[in-house]
Amino acid sequence: MSGRRALCKDSNVTYEVTVNDGVYADSTIIKDISKQGKFVEDDDSDPPVVFFCGSCKLPVGDSLSWAGSEDEKNQILLKRVSDNVLVGEETHFSGTCKKDLGCLKVHLTCRGCSSLLGMVYISTPRKLDHIRSLFCLNVTAIESYVLGSSSQQVAAVSPKQQPVTLEYRQAVERQLDEIKAVTLSMGQRLLVLEGDQQSKSQM
């Protein structure tokens, strides 16, 4: 399943929405700087956090795209997600929660395992304008990793004394693939930011 991206801007933030069919209208995003959510990226001293699919562990986003959280619905809000997140084509009517009653949404699923990750609201009442067109990920469907939080060290033994098993090699390869995916994602984001800065400097 393939999609296309729409890069939207307003006076405060830039956000990106991937769609398979149809175009989402621009909307004003109010950035939530509350630190009551489970994941917080507003403090400059906090290291970046990478979010993974809770089932297959594919990276789905990071805290550099943080837009807030919805504690009542146990969700985090991101302005961008990785290509491992697919935006559904079918529109659903939200009627399970009193707060978002009457909203139109599409589901977000994992490209790797098809697990339901969350939703994108495409039509909301005025009181929920701040979450429209944002990627709302269910905290129960994802896992997180804080970059630089590793503390375990390998004991100082001779390489000849340390056996390399197939399981160990596979684990290392998975970690390298995850690091590569995160590095590529951040590199692409830096290119977008540099392009925006160049465009502003030419205006």
Protein backbone atom coordinates (compact mmCIF):
# COMPACT_ATOMS: atom_id res chain seq x y z
CA MET A 1 0.00 0.00 0.00
CA SER A 2 1.47 3.34 -1.00
CA GLY A 3 0.59 6.84 0.02
CA ARG A 4 1.49 10.41 -0.61
CA ARG A 5 2.51 13.14 1.77
CA ALA A 6 1.22 16.64 2.25
CA LEU A 7 3.51 19.07 4.07
CA CYS A 8 1.38 21.70 5.79
CA LYS A 9 2.51 24.91 7.45
CA ASP A 10 1.06 27.67 9.58
CA SER A 11 2.58 30.44 11.67
CA ASN A 12 3.43 28.12 14.55
CA VAL A 13 4.31 24.63 13.38
CA THR A 14 4.94 22.42 10.38
CA TYR A 15 3.33 19.01 10.19
CA GLU A 16 3.06 16.20 7.67
CA VAL A 17 0.18 13.86 6.85
CA THR A 18 0.46 10.72 4.71
CA VAL A 19 -2.73 9.73 2.91
CA ASN A 20 -3.70 6.93 0.57
CA ASP A 21 -6.84 8.50 -0.85
CA GLY A 22 -8.08 12.04 -0.50
CA VAL A 23 -6.54 15.21 0.89
CA TYR A 24 -6.73 16.49 4.44
CA ALA A 25 -7.55 20.13 4.94
CA ASP A 26 -5.07 22.39 6.69
CA SER A 27 -5.78 23.08 10.33
CA THR A 28 -4.23 25.11 13.12
CA ILE A 29 -2.36 23.00 15.65
CA ILE A 30 -2.09 24.19 19.24
CA LYS A 31 1.09 22.68 20.67
CA ASP A 32 0.50 21.04 24.05
CA ILE A 33 3.43 21.81 26.34
CA SER A 34 1.92 19.96 29.28
CA LYS A 35 4.21 17.46 30.99
CA GLN A 36 1.39 15.30 32.32
CA GLY A 37 1.64 12.74 29.51
CA LYS A 38 3.64 9.53 29.64
CA PHE A 39 6.17 10.72 27.05
CA VAL A 40 7.59 14.27 27.26
CA GLU A 41 9.99 15.94 24.87
CA ASP A 42 9.53 19.63 25.68
CA ASP A 43 12.45 19.84 28.09
CA ASP A 44 15.59 20.56 26.06
CA SER A 45 17.63 18.48 28.50
CA ASP A 46 15.61 15.33 27.77
CA PRO A 47 17.18 12.98 25.20
CA PRO A 48 15.13 12.00 22.13
CA VAL A 49 12.68 9.13 22.45
CA VAL A 50 12.02 6.62 19.66
CA PHE A 51 8.60 4.96 19.46
CA PHE A 52 8.20 1.39 18.16
CA CYS A 53 5.28 -0.83 17.21
CA GLY A 54 4.50 -2.87 20.29
CA SER A 55 4.08 -6.05 18.22
CA CYS A 56 6.84 -6.17 15.59
CA LYS A 57 9.14 -3.43 17.00
CA LEU A 58 9.35 -1.40 13.78
CA PRO A 59 10.11 2.30 14.50
CA VAL A 60 6.98 4.39 13.98
CA GLY A 61 8.06 7.86 15.15
CA ASP A 62 10.13 9.89 17.59
CA SER A 63 9.78 12.69 20.09
CA LEU A 64 11.26 15.25 17.67
CA SER A 65 7.74 15.32 16.18
CA TRP A 66 6.03 15.62 19.57
CA ALA A 67 2.77 17.58 19.53
CA GLY A 68 1.27 16.71 22.91
CA SER A 69 -0.74 13.99 24.63
CA GLU A 70 -4.33 13.06 25.39
CA ASP A 71 -4.32 11.59 28.88
CA GLU A 72 -8.04 10.75 28.90
CA LYS A 73 -7.65 8.63 25.77
CA ASN A 74 -4.15 7.36 26.68
CA GLN A 75 -2.65 8.66 23.43
CA ILE A 76 0.39 10.61 22.32
CA LEU A 77 0.19 13.11 19.45
CA LEU A 78 2.88 13.36 16.77
CA LYS A 79 3.19 15.78 13.85
CA ARG A 80 5.06 13.21 11.77
CA VAL A 81 5.48 9.43 11.72
CA SER A 82 7.74 7.05 9.83
CA ASP A 83 6.87 5.25 6.60
CA ASN A 84 6.14 2.17 8.72
CA VAL A 85 2.78 3.73 9.64
CA LEU A 86 -0.02 3.30 7.10
CA VAL A 87 -3.02 5.64 6.99
CA GLY A 88 -6.23 3.81 6.16
CA GLU A 89 -8.52 4.69 3.28
CA GLU A 90 -11.82 3.95 5.03
CA THR A 91 -13.37 6.72 7.11
CA HIS A 92 -14.86 5.77 10.48
CA PHE A 93 -17.42 7.61 12.60
CA SER A 94 -16.30 8.05 16.19
CA GLY A 95 -19.04 7.26 18.66
CA THR A 96 -17.36 5.31 21.45
CA CYS A 97 -16.09 8.23 23.52
CA LYS A 98 -18.20 11.18 24.61
CA LYS A 99 -15.34 13.62 24.11
CA ASP A 100 -14.83 12.83 20.41
CA LEU A 101 -18.44 11.96 19.58
CA GLY A 102 -19.25 12.91 15.99
CA CYS A 103 -15.65 12.97 14.73
CA LEU A 104 -14.51 11.37 11.48
CA LYS A 105 -11.26 9.44 11.62
CA VAL A 106 -9.07 6.99 9.74
CA HIS A 107 -7.08 4.20 11.35
CA LEU A 108 -3.29 4.01 11.60
CA THR A 109 -1.78 0.54 11.18
CA CYS A 110 1.73 -0.88 11.23
CA ARG A 111 3.20 -1.71 7.83
CA GLY A 112 5.06 -4.69 9.27
CA CYS A 113 2.35 -6.55 11.21
CA SER A 114 -0.92 -4.66 10.44
CA SER A 115 -1.47 -3.92 14.14
CA LEU A 116 -3.76 -1.01 14.94
CA LEU A 117 -1.57 1.84 16.23
CA GLY A 118 -4.02 4.73 16.50
CA MET A 119 -5.92 7.18 14.33
CA VAL A 120 -5.96 10.50 12.50
CA TYR A 121 -8.98 12.76 12.96
CA ILE A 122 -10.00 14.32 9.64
CA SER A 123 -13.13 16.09 10.87
CA THR A 124 -13.68 17.41 14.39
CA PRO A 125 -15.83 19.93 16.26
CA ARG A 126 -14.19 23.24 17.08
CA LYS A 127 -13.19 22.15 20.60
CA LEU A 128 -11.02 19.36 19.11
CA ASP A 129 -9.39 21.39 16.34
CA HIS A 130 -6.04 21.02 18.10
CA ILE A 131 -5.86 17.28 17.36
CA ARG A 132 -7.15 17.30 13.78
CA SER A 133 -4.60 16.02 11.23
CA LEU A 134 -2.24 14.88 14.00
CA PHE A 135 -1.12 11.29 14.38
CA CYS A 136 -2.79 9.98 17.55
CA LEU A 137 -0.93 6.84 18.69
CA ASN A 138 -2.33 4.58 21.40
CA VAL A 139 0.16 4.24 24.24
CA THR A 140 -0.90 0.61 24.71
CA ALA A 141 0.05 -0.21 21.09
CA ILE A 142 3.59 1.20 21.12
CA GLU A 143 6.83 0.95 23.04
CA SER A 144 9.53 3.57 23.54
CA TYR A 145 13.30 3.77 23.86
CA VAL A 146 15.21 6.77 25.21
CA LEU A 147 18.38 7.31 23.17
CA GLY A 148 21.48 7.09 25.34
CA SER A 149 19.75 5.15 28.12
CA SER A 150 21.77 1.95 27.65
CA SER A 151 23.78 1.04 30.74
CA GLN A 152 24.72 -2.60 30.29
CA GLN A 153 28.36 -3.28 29.40
CA VAL A 154 30.07 -6.41 28.13
CA ALA A 155 32.53 -7.93 30.59
CA ALA A 156 36.19 -7.42 29.72
CA VAL A 157 37.03 -10.85 28.35
CA SER A 158 39.16 -12.03 25.49
CA PRO A 159 37.31 -12.28 22.14
CA LYS A 160 38.38 -15.94 22.02
CA GLN A 161 36.57 -16.56 25.31
CA GLN A 162 33.31 -14.95 24.21
CA PRO A 163 31.24 -17.27 21.99
CA VAL A 164 29.17 -15.67 19.22
CA THR A 165 25.89 -17.55 19.00
CA LEU A 166 23.30 -17.29 16.22
CA GLU A 167 20.83 -15.67 18.62
CA TYR A 168 23.42 -13.06 19.64
CA ARG A 169 24.22 -12.24 16.02
CA GLN A 170 20.54 -11.90 15.11
CA ALA A 171 19.96 -9.61 18.09
CA VAL A 172 22.87 -7.38 17.04
CA GLU A 173 21.60 -7.24 13.46
CA ARG A 174 18.13 -6.22 14.64
CA GLN A 175 19.59 -3.45 16.78
CA LEU A 176 21.71 -2.19 13.88
CA ASP A 177 18.64 -2.16 11.61
CA GLU A 178 16.67 -0.16 14.18
CA ILE A 179 19.51 2.34 14.63
CA LYS A 180 19.84 2.69 10.85
CA ALA A 181 16.11 3.34 10.48
CA VAL A 182 16.17 6.01 13.20
CA THR A 183 19.28 7.64 11.71
CA LEU A 184 17.72 7.79 8.23
CA SER A 185 14.51 9.25 9.65
CA MET A 186 16.38 11.98 11.51
CA GLY A 187 18.54 12.69 8.46
CA GLN A 188 15.45 13.19 6.29
CA ARG A 189 13.97 15.49 8.91
CA LEU A 190 17.14 17.59 8.99
CA LEU A 191 17.00 17.94 5.19
CA VAL A 192 13.42 19.19 5.43
CA LEU A 193 14.37 21.70 8.13
CA GLU A 194 17.36 22.93 6.12
CA GLY A 195 15.14 23.35 3.08
CA ASP A 196 12.65 25.37 5.12
CA GLN A 197 15.43 27.61 6.44
CA GLN A 198 16.77 28.21 2.92
CA SER A 199 13.29 29.06 1.67
CA LYS A 200 12.80 31.55 4.50
CA SER A 201 16.20 33.15 3.89
CA GLN A 202 15.33 33.70 0.21
CA MET A 203 12.03 35.42 1.03
